[in-house]
N, C-alpha and C. Protein backbone atom coordinates (compact mmCIF):
# COMPACT_ATOMS: atom_id res chain seq x y z
N MET A 1 112.31 107.15 73.90
CA MET A 1 111.16 108.00 74.19
C MET A 1 110.04 107.85 73.16
N HIS A 2 110.42 107.71 71.88
CA HIS A 2 109.39 107.63 70.86
C HIS A 2 108.58 106.35 70.98
N SER A 3 109.23 105.26 71.36
CA SER A 3 108.50 104.02 71.54
C SER A 3 107.53 104.12 72.71
N GLU A 4 107.95 104.88 73.74
CA GLU A 4 107.07 105.06 74.90
C GLU A 4 105.84 105.84 74.51
N HIS A 5 106.02 106.90 73.69
CA HIS A 5 104.88 107.70 73.26
C HIS A 5 103.95 106.90 72.37
N GLY A 6 104.56 106.08 71.51
CA GLY A 6 103.74 105.28 70.62
C GLY A 6 102.94 104.24 71.36
N GLU A 7 103.52 103.71 72.42
CA GLU A 7 102.83 102.68 73.20
C GLU A 7 101.66 103.24 73.96
N HIS A 8 101.81 104.44 74.53
CA HIS A 8 100.77 104.99 75.42
C HIS A 8 99.87 106.01 74.72
N GLY A 9 100.23 106.46 73.52
CA GLY A 9 99.43 107.46 72.85
C GLY A 9 99.93 108.87 73.11
N PHE A 10 99.03 109.86 72.88
CA PHE A 10 99.41 111.26 72.98
C PHE A 10 99.82 111.62 74.40
N ASN A 11 100.85 112.44 74.48
CA ASN A 11 101.37 112.88 75.78
C ASN A 11 101.69 114.36 75.68
N TRP A 12 101.07 115.17 76.56
CA TRP A 12 101.28 116.61 76.51
C TRP A 12 102.74 117.00 76.71
N LEU A 13 103.44 116.31 77.60
CA LEU A 13 104.81 116.68 77.90
C LEU A 13 105.73 116.51 76.70
N SER A 14 105.38 115.58 75.81
CA SER A 14 106.21 115.37 74.62
C SER A 14 106.09 116.52 73.63
N GLN A 15 105.08 117.39 73.82
CA GLN A 15 104.88 118.52 72.92
C GLN A 15 105.69 119.75 73.33
N ILE A 16 106.34 119.67 74.50
CA ILE A 16 107.15 120.79 74.97
C ILE A 16 108.60 120.55 74.54
N PRO A 17 109.15 121.39 73.64
CA PRO A 17 110.49 121.13 73.10
C PRO A 17 111.57 120.98 74.16
N ALA A 18 111.49 121.76 75.23
CA ALA A 18 112.53 121.72 76.26
C ALA A 18 112.52 120.41 77.04
N LEU A 19 111.41 119.66 76.98
CA LEU A 19 111.28 118.44 77.77
C LEU A 19 111.31 117.16 76.94
N GLU A 20 111.35 117.31 75.62
CA GLU A 20 111.19 116.12 74.78
C GLU A 20 112.35 115.14 74.90
N HIS A 21 113.52 115.60 75.38
CA HIS A 21 114.67 114.71 75.49
C HIS A 21 114.77 114.04 76.87
N TYR A 22 113.83 114.35 77.75
CA TYR A 22 113.86 113.77 79.09
C TYR A 22 112.76 112.70 79.21
N PRO A 23 113.03 111.62 79.94
CA PRO A 23 111.99 110.59 80.11
C PRO A 23 110.74 111.16 80.74
N ASN A 24 109.59 110.77 80.21
CA ASN A 24 108.31 111.31 80.69
C ASN A 24 108.11 111.07 82.18
N HIS A 25 108.45 109.86 82.65
CA HIS A 25 108.18 109.53 84.06
C HIS A 25 109.01 110.40 85.00
N VAL A 26 110.22 110.79 84.57
CA VAL A 26 111.06 111.65 85.40
C VAL A 26 110.47 113.05 85.47
N VAL A 27 110.09 113.58 84.30
CA VAL A 27 109.53 114.94 84.25
C VAL A 27 108.23 115.01 85.05
N MET A 28 107.37 114.00 84.87
CA MET A 28 106.09 114.01 85.56
C MET A 28 106.28 113.87 87.06
N ALA A 29 107.21 113.03 87.49
CA ALA A 29 107.47 112.85 88.92
C ALA A 29 107.99 114.14 89.54
N VAL A 30 108.87 114.84 88.83
CA VAL A 30 109.40 116.11 89.33
C VAL A 30 108.29 117.15 89.44
N ILE A 31 107.44 117.23 88.41
CA ILE A 31 106.33 118.18 88.44
C ILE A 31 105.40 117.91 89.63
N LEU A 32 105.09 116.64 89.85
CA LEU A 32 104.20 116.28 90.96
C LEU A 32 104.85 116.58 92.31
N CYS A 33 106.16 116.33 92.42
CA CYS A 33 106.86 116.64 93.68
C CYS A 33 106.81 118.13 93.97
N VAL A 34 107.01 118.95 92.94
CA VAL A 34 106.95 120.41 93.11
C VAL A 34 105.54 120.82 93.54
N LEU A 35 104.53 120.26 92.88
CA LEU A 35 103.14 120.58 93.23
C LEU A 35 102.82 120.18 94.67
N LEU A 36 103.33 119.02 95.10
CA LEU A 36 103.08 118.58 96.47
C LEU A 36 103.76 119.49 97.49
N VAL A 37 104.97 119.94 97.17
CA VAL A 37 105.68 120.86 98.06
C VAL A 37 104.92 122.18 98.17
N VAL A 38 104.46 122.70 97.03
CA VAL A 38 103.69 123.95 97.03
C VAL A 38 102.39 123.78 97.79
N THR A 39 101.72 122.64 97.56
CA THR A 39 100.47 122.36 98.27
C THR A 39 100.70 122.28 99.78
N GLY A 40 101.80 121.63 100.18
CA GLY A 40 102.13 121.55 101.60
C GLY A 40 102.39 122.91 102.21
N ALA A 41 103.06 123.78 101.45
CA ALA A 41 103.33 125.14 101.93
C ALA A 41 102.03 125.92 102.10
N ILE A 42 101.11 125.78 101.13
CA ILE A 42 99.82 126.47 101.23
C ILE A 42 99.03 125.96 102.43
N ALA A 43 99.05 124.64 102.63
CA ALA A 43 98.33 124.06 103.77
C ALA A 43 98.90 124.56 105.09
N THR A 44 100.22 124.69 105.17
CA THR A 44 100.86 125.19 106.39
C THR A 44 100.44 126.62 106.68
N ILE A 45 100.40 127.44 105.63
CA ILE A 45 99.98 128.84 105.79
C ILE A 45 98.53 128.92 106.25
N LYS A 46 97.67 128.10 105.62
CA LYS A 46 96.25 128.09 105.98
C LYS A 46 96.06 127.61 107.42
N LEU A 47 96.85 126.61 107.82
CA LEU A 47 96.72 126.06 109.17
C LEU A 47 97.14 127.09 110.21
N LYS A 48 98.18 127.86 109.92
CA LYS A 48 98.62 128.90 110.84
C LYS A 48 97.61 130.03 110.96
N ALA A 49 96.82 130.20 109.89
CA ALA A 49 95.82 131.28 109.91
C ALA A 49 94.57 130.90 110.69
N VAL A 50 94.40 129.62 110.96
CA VAL A 50 93.22 129.17 111.72
C VAL A 50 93.40 129.50 113.20
N LYS A 51 92.39 130.11 113.80
CA LYS A 51 92.50 130.53 115.20
C LYS A 51 92.65 129.33 116.14
N ASP A 52 91.81 128.33 115.97
CA ASP A 52 91.88 127.14 116.81
C ASP A 52 91.82 125.90 115.91
N PRO A 53 92.98 125.34 115.53
CA PRO A 53 92.99 124.21 114.59
C PRO A 53 92.36 122.94 115.15
N THR A 54 92.12 122.89 116.46
CA THR A 54 91.50 121.69 117.05
C THR A 54 89.99 121.67 116.84
N VAL A 55 89.41 122.80 116.46
CA VAL A 55 87.97 122.89 116.21
C VAL A 55 87.73 122.68 114.72
N PRO A 56 87.03 121.60 114.32
CA PRO A 56 86.81 121.34 112.90
C PRO A 56 85.87 122.36 112.27
N ALA A 57 86.05 122.58 110.97
CA ALA A 57 85.17 123.51 110.25
C ALA A 57 83.79 122.89 110.08
N GLY A 58 82.80 123.73 109.84
CA GLY A 58 81.44 123.25 109.70
C GLY A 58 81.18 122.56 108.38
N LYS A 59 82.09 122.67 107.42
CA LYS A 59 81.93 122.03 106.12
C LYS A 59 83.26 121.43 105.69
N LEU A 60 83.21 120.62 104.63
CA LEU A 60 84.42 119.99 104.13
C LEU A 60 85.30 121.03 103.45
N THR A 61 86.51 121.19 103.96
CA THR A 61 87.45 122.17 103.41
C THR A 61 88.72 121.47 102.95
N TYR A 62 89.56 122.26 102.32
CA TYR A 62 90.86 121.75 101.84
C TYR A 62 91.65 121.13 102.99
N LEU A 63 91.65 121.79 104.14
CA LEU A 63 92.45 121.32 105.27
C LEU A 63 91.86 120.08 105.93
N ASN A 64 90.55 120.13 106.25
CA ASN A 64 90.02 118.99 107.00
C ASN A 64 89.85 117.74 106.14
N PHE A 65 89.84 117.89 104.80
CA PHE A 65 89.85 116.71 103.94
C PHE A 65 91.14 115.91 104.16
N PHE A 66 92.27 116.63 104.15
CA PHE A 66 93.55 115.96 104.36
C PHE A 66 93.74 115.55 105.81
N GLU A 67 93.09 116.26 106.73
CA GLU A 67 93.13 115.84 108.13
C GLU A 67 92.43 114.49 108.30
N ILE A 68 91.29 114.33 107.65
CA ILE A 68 90.56 113.07 107.72
C ILE A 68 91.39 111.94 107.12
N LEU A 69 92.00 112.22 105.96
CA LEU A 69 92.84 111.22 105.30
C LEU A 69 94.02 110.83 106.18
N ALA A 70 94.66 111.84 106.80
CA ALA A 70 95.82 111.57 107.66
C ALA A 70 95.40 110.79 108.91
N GLU A 71 94.25 111.13 109.49
CA GLU A 71 93.78 110.44 110.69
C GLU A 71 93.51 108.96 110.40
N LYS A 72 92.89 108.68 109.26
CA LYS A 72 92.59 107.28 108.92
C LYS A 72 93.87 106.49 108.66
N LEU A 73 94.82 107.11 107.97
CA LEU A 73 96.08 106.43 107.70
C LEU A 73 96.88 106.23 108.98
N TYR A 74 96.84 107.22 109.87
CA TYR A 74 97.54 107.08 111.15
C TYR A 74 96.91 105.98 112.00
N ALA A 75 95.57 105.91 111.99
CA ALA A 75 94.88 104.85 112.74
C ALA A 75 95.28 103.48 112.22
N LEU A 76 95.45 103.37 110.90
CA LEU A 76 95.90 102.10 110.33
C LEU A 76 97.33 101.78 110.79
N CYS A 77 98.19 102.79 110.84
CA CYS A 77 99.57 102.60 111.33
C CYS A 77 99.56 102.09 112.77
N VAL A 78 98.70 102.66 113.59
CA VAL A 78 98.61 102.23 114.99
C VAL A 78 98.16 100.79 115.08
N ASP A 79 97.17 100.42 114.27
CA ASP A 79 96.66 99.05 114.29
C ASP A 79 97.73 98.04 113.86
N VAL A 80 98.53 98.41 112.87
CA VAL A 80 99.52 97.48 112.32
C VAL A 80 100.81 97.48 113.13
N MET A 81 101.25 98.67 113.59
CA MET A 81 102.58 98.82 114.15
C MET A 81 102.59 99.12 115.64
N GLY A 82 101.48 99.57 116.18
CA GLY A 82 101.46 100.02 117.57
C GLY A 82 101.66 101.52 117.66
N GLU A 83 101.27 102.11 118.79
CA GLU A 83 101.28 103.57 118.96
C GLU A 83 102.68 104.15 118.82
N HIS A 84 103.65 103.55 119.50
CA HIS A 84 104.99 104.12 119.50
C HIS A 84 105.61 104.10 118.11
N ALA A 85 105.53 102.97 117.42
CA ALA A 85 106.10 102.86 116.08
C ALA A 85 105.36 103.75 115.09
N ALA A 86 104.05 103.88 115.25
CA ALA A 86 103.26 104.72 114.36
C ALA A 86 103.73 106.17 114.44
N GLU A 87 103.99 106.66 115.67
CA GLU A 87 104.47 108.03 115.84
C GLU A 87 105.80 108.25 115.11
N GLU A 88 106.66 107.24 115.14
CA GLU A 88 107.98 107.39 114.54
C GLU A 88 107.96 107.28 113.02
N TYR A 89 107.15 106.38 112.49
CA TYR A 89 107.23 106.06 111.06
C TYR A 89 106.10 106.64 110.22
N PHE A 90 105.09 107.21 110.85
CA PHE A 90 103.98 107.75 110.09
C PHE A 90 104.39 108.83 109.08
N PRO A 91 105.30 109.75 109.41
CA PRO A 91 105.67 110.76 108.41
C PRO A 91 106.17 110.16 107.09
N VAL A 92 107.00 109.12 107.18
CA VAL A 92 107.51 108.49 105.96
C VAL A 92 106.40 107.74 105.24
N ILE A 93 105.59 106.99 105.97
CA ILE A 93 104.51 106.23 105.36
C ILE A 93 103.48 107.17 104.73
N GLY A 94 103.14 108.25 105.43
CA GLY A 94 102.21 109.23 104.89
C GLY A 94 102.74 109.90 103.63
N THR A 95 104.03 110.21 103.61
CA THR A 95 104.64 110.82 102.43
C THR A 95 104.62 109.86 101.25
N LEU A 96 104.93 108.59 101.51
CA LEU A 96 104.87 107.57 100.45
C LEU A 96 103.45 107.47 99.88
N PHE A 97 102.46 107.44 100.78
CA PHE A 97 101.08 107.32 100.33
C PHE A 97 100.68 108.49 99.44
N ILE A 98 100.96 109.71 99.89
CA ILE A 98 100.56 110.89 99.13
C ILE A 98 101.26 110.93 97.78
N PHE A 99 102.56 110.61 97.76
CA PHE A 99 103.31 110.64 96.50
C PHE A 99 102.77 109.60 95.52
N ILE A 100 102.59 108.36 95.98
CA ILE A 100 102.14 107.29 95.09
C ILE A 100 100.71 107.55 94.63
N PHE A 101 99.84 107.97 95.56
CA PHE A 101 98.45 108.24 95.21
C PHE A 101 98.35 109.36 94.18
N THR A 102 99.14 110.42 94.36
CA THR A 102 99.14 111.54 93.41
C THR A 102 99.66 111.10 92.05
N CYS A 103 100.74 110.32 92.05
CA CYS A 103 101.27 109.80 90.79
C CYS A 103 100.23 108.94 90.08
N ASN A 104 99.54 108.11 90.84
CA ASN A 104 98.51 107.25 90.25
C ASN A 104 97.38 108.08 89.64
N LEU A 105 96.94 109.10 90.38
CA LEU A 105 95.84 109.93 89.90
C LEU A 105 96.20 110.72 88.65
N SER A 106 97.46 111.07 88.49
CA SER A 106 97.85 111.88 87.33
C SER A 106 97.57 111.16 86.02
N GLY A 107 97.52 109.82 86.06
CA GLY A 107 97.22 109.07 84.85
C GLY A 107 95.78 109.18 84.39
N LEU A 108 94.91 109.74 85.25
CA LEU A 108 93.51 109.92 84.87
C LEU A 108 93.30 111.21 84.08
N ILE A 109 94.32 112.04 84.01
CA ILE A 109 94.22 113.28 83.24
C ILE A 109 94.59 112.97 81.79
N PRO A 110 93.69 113.20 80.84
CA PRO A 110 94.00 112.89 79.44
C PRO A 110 95.26 113.60 78.96
N GLY A 111 96.14 112.84 78.33
CA GLY A 111 97.38 113.40 77.81
C GLY A 111 98.54 113.33 78.78
N PHE A 112 98.33 112.75 79.96
CA PHE A 112 99.41 112.60 80.93
C PHE A 112 99.56 111.13 81.31
N LEU A 113 100.79 110.74 81.56
CA LEU A 113 101.08 109.36 81.95
C LEU A 113 101.46 109.33 83.43
N PRO A 114 100.94 108.36 84.19
CA PRO A 114 101.32 108.27 85.60
C PRO A 114 102.76 107.79 85.73
N PRO A 115 103.58 108.45 86.53
CA PRO A 115 104.96 107.97 86.73
C PRO A 115 105.01 106.53 87.22
N THR A 116 103.95 106.11 87.93
CA THR A 116 103.96 104.77 88.52
C THR A 116 103.65 103.66 87.52
N ASP A 117 103.48 103.98 86.22
CA ASP A 117 103.38 102.89 85.26
C ASP A 117 104.74 102.63 84.61
N ASN A 118 105.78 103.26 85.19
CA ASN A 118 107.15 103.03 84.73
C ASN A 118 107.91 102.28 85.81
N ILE A 119 108.58 101.21 85.44
CA ILE A 119 109.26 100.34 86.40
C ILE A 119 110.37 101.07 87.15
N ASN A 120 110.97 102.09 86.54
CA ASN A 120 112.04 102.82 87.22
C ASN A 120 111.53 103.55 88.46
N VAL A 121 110.35 104.13 88.36
CA VAL A 121 109.76 104.86 89.49
C VAL A 121 109.35 103.89 90.59
N THR A 122 108.63 102.84 90.21
CA THR A 122 108.13 101.91 91.23
C THR A 122 109.27 101.12 91.87
N LEU A 123 110.29 100.79 91.08
CA LEU A 123 111.43 100.06 91.66
C LEU A 123 112.23 100.97 92.59
N ALA A 124 112.31 102.25 92.25
CA ALA A 124 112.99 103.20 93.14
C ALA A 124 112.25 103.30 94.47
N ALA A 125 110.91 103.35 94.42
CA ALA A 125 110.12 103.41 95.65
C ALA A 125 110.28 102.12 96.45
N GLY A 126 110.26 100.98 95.77
CA GLY A 126 110.44 99.71 96.45
C GLY A 126 111.81 99.56 97.07
N THR A 127 112.83 100.05 96.36
CA THR A 127 114.20 99.99 96.88
C THR A 127 114.35 100.88 98.11
N PHE A 128 113.71 102.04 98.07
CA PHE A 128 113.74 102.93 99.24
C PHE A 128 113.15 102.23 100.46
N VAL A 129 112.00 101.57 100.27
CA VAL A 129 111.37 100.85 101.38
C VAL A 129 112.29 99.75 101.89
N PHE A 130 112.92 99.01 100.99
CA PHE A 130 113.84 97.93 101.35
C PHE A 130 115.00 98.46 102.20
N LEU A 131 115.63 99.54 101.76
CA LEU A 131 116.75 100.12 102.51
C LEU A 131 116.28 100.70 103.84
N TYR A 132 115.10 101.31 103.82
CA TYR A 132 114.59 101.98 105.01
C TYR A 132 114.30 100.99 106.13
N TYR A 133 113.57 99.92 105.83
CA TYR A 133 113.20 99.00 106.92
C TYR A 133 114.39 98.19 107.39
N ASN A 134 115.34 97.88 106.51
CA ASN A 134 116.55 97.17 106.96
C ASN A 134 117.43 98.07 107.82
N PHE A 135 117.51 99.34 107.45
CA PHE A 135 118.29 100.29 108.26
C PHE A 135 117.72 100.40 109.67
N HIS A 136 116.39 100.51 109.76
CA HIS A 136 115.78 100.65 111.08
C HIS A 136 115.78 99.33 111.85
N GLY A 137 115.79 98.22 111.12
CA GLY A 137 115.95 96.94 111.81
C GLY A 137 117.29 96.84 112.48
N LEU A 138 118.34 97.27 111.78
CA LEU A 138 119.69 97.27 112.37
C LEU A 138 119.81 98.32 113.47
N LYS A 139 119.13 99.45 113.27
CA LYS A 139 119.19 100.52 114.26
C LYS A 139 118.54 100.09 115.57
N HIS A 140 117.44 99.39 115.51
CA HIS A 140 116.71 98.98 116.72
C HIS A 140 117.31 97.74 117.38
N ASN A 141 117.82 96.82 116.58
CA ASN A 141 118.26 95.53 117.12
C ASN A 141 119.75 95.28 117.03
N GLY A 142 120.48 96.18 116.35
CA GLY A 142 121.91 95.94 116.18
C GLY A 142 122.15 94.68 115.35
N LEU A 143 123.25 94.01 115.60
CA LEU A 143 123.57 92.79 114.87
C LEU A 143 122.60 91.65 115.17
N ALA A 144 121.85 91.78 116.27
CA ALA A 144 120.82 90.78 116.58
C ALA A 144 119.75 90.74 115.50
N TYR A 145 119.68 91.79 114.68
CA TYR A 145 118.72 91.82 113.57
C TYR A 145 118.95 90.65 112.61
N LEU A 146 120.21 90.21 112.51
CA LEU A 146 120.54 89.11 111.61
C LEU A 146 119.88 87.81 112.04
N LYS A 147 119.49 87.72 113.32
CA LYS A 147 118.79 86.53 113.79
C LYS A 147 117.45 86.35 113.09
N HIS A 148 116.90 87.48 112.57
CA HIS A 148 115.64 87.40 111.84
C HIS A 148 115.76 86.52 110.60
N PHE A 149 117.00 86.37 110.12
CA PHE A 149 117.22 85.61 108.89
C PHE A 149 117.58 84.15 109.17
N MET A 150 117.71 83.78 110.43
CA MET A 150 118.26 82.47 110.78
C MET A 150 117.21 81.38 111.02
N GLY A 151 115.95 81.77 111.18
CA GLY A 151 114.95 80.75 111.44
C GLY A 151 114.87 80.39 112.92
N PRO A 152 113.92 79.53 113.28
CA PRO A 152 113.69 79.22 114.69
C PRO A 152 114.67 78.23 115.30
N VAL A 153 115.33 77.39 114.50
CA VAL A 153 116.25 76.37 115.05
C VAL A 153 117.61 76.50 114.40
N TRP A 154 118.67 76.24 115.19
CA TRP A 154 120.03 76.52 114.74
C TRP A 154 120.48 75.64 113.58
N TYR A 155 120.03 74.37 113.54
CA TYR A 155 120.54 73.47 112.51
C TYR A 155 119.94 73.76 111.12
N LEU A 156 118.88 74.58 111.07
CA LEU A 156 118.31 75.01 109.79
C LEU A 156 118.77 76.42 109.41
N ALA A 157 119.62 77.02 110.24
CA ALA A 157 120.02 78.42 110.03
C ALA A 157 120.64 78.66 108.65
N PRO A 158 121.59 77.84 108.16
CA PRO A 158 122.18 78.10 106.83
C PRO A 158 121.14 78.13 105.71
N LEU A 159 120.24 77.14 105.74
CA LEU A 159 119.19 77.08 104.72
C LEU A 159 118.23 78.25 104.86
N MET A 160 117.79 78.53 106.08
CA MET A 160 116.85 79.62 106.31
C MET A 160 117.45 80.97 105.95
N PHE A 161 118.75 81.13 106.20
CA PHE A 161 119.41 82.40 105.88
C PHE A 161 119.33 82.68 104.38
N VAL A 162 119.61 81.68 103.56
CA VAL A 162 119.55 81.85 102.11
C VAL A 162 118.12 82.17 101.67
N ILE A 163 117.16 81.42 102.22
CA ILE A 163 115.75 81.63 101.86
C ILE A 163 115.29 83.03 102.26
N GLU A 164 115.63 83.44 103.47
CA GLU A 164 115.20 84.76 103.97
C GLU A 164 115.84 85.89 103.19
N VAL A 165 117.13 85.76 102.86
CA VAL A 165 117.81 86.81 102.09
C VAL A 165 117.17 86.96 100.71
N VAL A 166 116.92 85.85 100.04
CA VAL A 166 116.28 85.89 98.72
C VAL A 166 114.88 86.50 98.84
N SER A 167 114.15 86.10 99.89
CA SER A 167 112.81 86.64 100.11
C SER A 167 112.84 88.15 100.31
N HIS A 168 113.80 88.63 101.10
CA HIS A 168 113.89 90.06 101.37
C HIS A 168 114.28 90.84 100.12
N PHE A 169 115.20 90.29 99.33
CA PHE A 169 115.61 90.99 98.11
C PHE A 169 114.50 91.01 97.07
N PHE A 170 113.59 90.06 97.16
CA PHE A 170 112.47 90.04 96.21
C PHE A 170 111.38 91.05 96.60
N ARG A 171 111.37 91.50 97.85
CA ARG A 171 110.32 92.42 98.30
C ARG A 171 110.24 93.71 97.48
N PRO A 172 111.36 94.43 97.26
CA PRO A 172 111.24 95.65 96.46
C PRO A 172 110.79 95.37 95.03
N VAL A 173 111.21 94.23 94.48
CA VAL A 173 110.78 93.87 93.13
C VAL A 173 109.28 93.59 93.12
N SER A 174 108.80 92.89 94.13
CA SER A 174 107.38 92.59 94.24
C SER A 174 106.56 93.87 94.37
N LEU A 175 107.01 94.78 95.23
CA LEU A 175 106.32 96.06 95.38
C LEU A 175 106.28 96.82 94.06
N ALA A 176 107.42 96.83 93.35
CA ALA A 176 107.52 97.58 92.10
C ALA A 176 106.63 96.99 91.01
N LEU A 177 106.69 95.67 90.84
CA LEU A 177 105.93 95.03 89.77
C LEU A 177 104.42 95.09 90.02
N ARG A 178 104.02 94.94 91.28
CA ARG A 178 102.59 95.00 91.62
C ARG A 178 102.03 96.38 91.30
N LEU A 179 102.72 97.41 91.75
CA LEU A 179 102.25 98.78 91.53
C LEU A 179 102.27 99.13 90.06
N ARG A 180 103.37 98.83 89.40
CA ARG A 180 103.50 99.18 87.99
C ARG A 180 102.49 98.43 87.12
N GLY A 181 102.33 97.13 87.37
CA GLY A 181 101.41 96.34 86.58
C GLY A 181 99.97 96.81 86.70
N ASN A 182 99.54 97.10 87.92
CA ASN A 182 98.16 97.56 88.12
C ASN A 182 97.90 98.92 87.51
N MET A 183 98.85 99.84 87.64
CA MET A 183 98.65 101.18 87.10
C MET A 183 98.74 101.17 85.57
N MET A 184 99.63 100.37 85.01
CA MET A 184 99.73 100.28 83.56
C MET A 184 98.44 99.68 82.99
N GLY A 185 97.92 98.64 83.65
CA GLY A 185 96.68 98.02 83.19
C GLY A 185 95.49 98.96 83.30
N ASP A 186 95.41 99.69 84.42
CA ASP A 186 94.30 100.63 84.62
C ASP A 186 94.35 101.73 83.57
N HIS A 187 95.55 102.25 83.29
CA HIS A 187 95.70 103.32 82.30
C HIS A 187 95.35 102.81 80.91
N ALA A 188 95.72 101.57 80.60
CA ALA A 188 95.42 101.01 79.28
C ALA A 188 93.92 100.82 79.09
N VAL A 189 93.23 100.31 80.12
CA VAL A 189 91.78 100.11 80.04
C VAL A 189 91.06 101.44 79.84
N LEU A 190 91.46 102.45 80.61
CA LEU A 190 90.83 103.77 80.48
C LEU A 190 91.06 104.33 79.08
N GLY A 191 92.28 104.17 78.55
CA GLY A 191 92.59 104.67 77.21
C GLY A 191 91.76 104.00 76.14
N VAL A 192 91.54 102.70 76.27
CA VAL A 192 90.73 101.96 75.29
C VAL A 192 89.30 102.47 75.27
N PHE A 193 88.70 102.62 76.45
CA PHE A 193 87.30 103.05 76.49
C PHE A 193 87.14 104.52 76.11
N LEU A 194 88.14 105.34 76.36
CA LEU A 194 88.07 106.73 75.92
C LEU A 194 88.09 106.82 74.39
N SER A 195 88.85 105.93 73.75
CA SER A 195 88.93 105.95 72.29
C SER A 195 87.70 105.32 71.64
N LEU A 196 87.08 104.32 72.30
CA LEU A 196 85.92 103.65 71.73
C LEU A 196 84.62 104.41 71.99
N VAL A 197 84.42 104.80 73.26
CA VAL A 197 83.18 105.50 73.65
C VAL A 197 83.58 106.73 74.46
N PRO A 198 83.80 107.87 73.80
CA PRO A 198 84.34 109.03 74.51
C PRO A 198 83.37 109.74 75.44
N TYR A 199 82.08 109.36 75.43
CA TYR A 199 81.08 110.07 76.25
C TYR A 199 80.41 109.11 77.25
N LEU A 200 80.21 109.58 78.46
CA LEU A 200 79.46 108.93 79.53
C LEU A 200 80.10 107.65 80.05
N VAL A 201 80.29 106.66 79.18
CA VAL A 201 80.83 105.37 79.64
C VAL A 201 82.18 105.51 80.35
N PRO A 202 83.12 106.34 79.84
CA PRO A 202 84.41 106.47 80.54
C PRO A 202 84.30 106.99 81.97
N VAL A 203 83.17 107.64 82.32
CA VAL A 203 83.01 108.14 83.69
C VAL A 203 83.10 106.99 84.69
N ILE A 204 82.52 105.85 84.31
CA ILE A 204 82.57 104.67 85.18
C ILE A 204 84.01 104.24 85.40
N PHE A 205 84.80 104.29 84.33
CA PHE A 205 86.18 103.84 84.43
C PHE A 205 87.08 104.88 85.09
N TYR A 206 86.68 106.16 85.03
CA TYR A 206 87.39 107.17 85.81
C TYR A 206 87.18 106.91 87.30
N ALA A 207 85.94 106.59 87.69
CA ALA A 207 85.67 106.27 89.09
C ALA A 207 86.45 105.03 89.52
N LEU A 208 86.48 104.03 88.65
CA LEU A 208 87.25 102.82 88.94
C LEU A 208 88.74 103.15 89.02
N GLY A 209 89.20 104.07 88.16
CA GLY A 209 90.60 104.48 88.17
C GLY A 209 91.00 105.15 89.48
N VAL A 210 90.11 106.00 90.02
CA VAL A 210 90.38 106.63 91.32
C VAL A 210 90.47 105.57 92.41
N PHE A 211 89.58 104.60 92.35
CA PHE A 211 89.57 103.52 93.34
C PHE A 211 90.86 102.70 93.26
N VAL A 212 91.27 102.36 92.03
CA VAL A 212 92.50 101.58 91.84
C VAL A 212 93.71 102.39 92.31
N ALA A 213 93.74 103.69 92.00
CA ALA A 213 94.84 104.55 92.42
C ALA A 213 94.97 104.56 93.95
N PHE A 214 93.83 104.65 94.63
CA PHE A 214 93.84 104.65 96.09
C PHE A 214 94.28 103.30 96.64
N ILE A 215 93.70 102.22 96.12
CA ILE A 215 94.00 100.88 96.62
C ILE A 215 95.47 100.54 96.45
N GLN A 216 96.05 100.89 95.31
CA GLN A 216 97.45 100.56 95.07
C GLN A 216 98.39 101.34 96.00
N ALA A 217 98.07 102.60 96.25
CA ALA A 217 98.85 103.37 97.22
C ALA A 217 98.68 102.80 98.63
N PHE A 218 97.46 102.40 98.95
CA PHE A 218 97.14 101.81 100.25
C PHE A 218 97.91 100.50 100.46
N VAL A 219 97.88 99.61 99.46
CA VAL A 219 98.56 98.32 99.57
C VAL A 219 100.07 98.50 99.70
N PHE A 220 100.63 99.42 98.92
CA PHE A 220 102.06 99.68 98.99
C PHE A 220 102.45 100.12 100.40
N CYS A 221 101.68 101.04 100.98
CA CYS A 221 102.00 101.55 102.31
C CYS A 221 101.71 100.51 103.39
N LEU A 222 100.67 99.71 103.21
CA LEU A 222 100.37 98.66 104.18
C LEU A 222 101.51 97.65 104.24
N LEU A 223 102.02 97.23 103.09
CA LEU A 223 103.15 96.30 103.06
C LEU A 223 104.40 96.95 103.66
N THR A 224 104.57 98.25 103.44
CA THR A 224 105.70 98.96 104.04
C THR A 224 105.61 98.92 105.56
N MET A 225 104.40 99.15 106.10
CA MET A 225 104.21 99.06 107.56
C MET A 225 104.56 97.67 108.08
N VAL A 226 104.10 96.65 107.36
CA VAL A 226 104.37 95.28 107.79
C VAL A 226 105.86 95.00 107.79
N TYR A 227 106.56 95.41 106.74
CA TYR A 227 108.00 95.17 106.65
C TYR A 227 108.76 95.89 107.77
N ILE A 228 108.38 97.14 108.03
CA ILE A 228 109.03 97.89 109.11
C ILE A 228 108.76 97.23 110.45
N ASN A 229 107.51 96.84 110.67
CA ASN A 229 107.14 96.23 111.95
C ASN A 229 107.89 94.93 112.19
N LEU A 230 108.04 94.12 111.15
CA LEU A 230 108.80 92.86 111.27
C LEU A 230 110.27 93.12 111.55
N SER A 231 110.81 94.17 110.93
CA SER A 231 112.24 94.43 111.07
C SER A 231 112.62 94.98 112.44
N ILE A 232 111.72 95.72 113.07
CA ILE A 232 112.06 96.33 114.37
C ILE A 232 111.61 95.46 115.53
N ALA A 233 110.90 94.35 115.24
CA ALA A 233 110.44 93.47 116.30
C ALA A 233 111.66 92.81 116.97
N HIS A 234 111.64 92.72 118.30
CA HIS A 234 112.74 92.11 119.03
C HIS A 234 112.63 90.59 119.04
N ASP A 235 111.41 90.08 118.94
CA ASP A 235 111.20 88.64 118.85
C ASP A 235 110.62 88.33 117.50
N HIS A 236 111.24 87.42 116.78
CA HIS A 236 110.78 87.15 115.43
C HIS A 236 110.71 85.65 115.20
């Protein structure tokens, strides 16, 4: 833990005696999960209080901001996966996006580290995606799912099987390293400019940080859609 604090600088969570023995990324991820659950509960209560939820408000509100975000993400799911698959898998993809995006944004708060700059968090997310799309591939296609690993011609099947298996096992690692590397780099750049020029200039890098946080969550979920779509396809 001490090496982690020294590498990233000051961390508010390390100042709390009850939490100093727990890894920062675990504590931060748990805190964010609790906040997301509470936020979801508040949104549900607010939505139930609306007389006609199909009529949009006249101004940007807490609810319609997330409605716009959900609509755009769902439209992307439809474009990539089709209407039927989007209906089935959007809840998981939307949850992944919100969790990763929130984790990424937490690194923009001075004194906090984003959980997604730790390989354990990103590899856990990548492993979940790997297990999830393979499970649904088997669920939709049965043992015929294994044909996805065999290639187009039978005499190349042994070679293609090895290549495809290695490729699939590398997917969660690729997802994890891409997300972790970008968030660690973004956090490091922001930290450098905050220490060198603490006024005005860092605003530019905060805006860039929000953009990077969004793009990395977007790319992670887009690749998840592609992997799911490939796994449930009957013809491959």
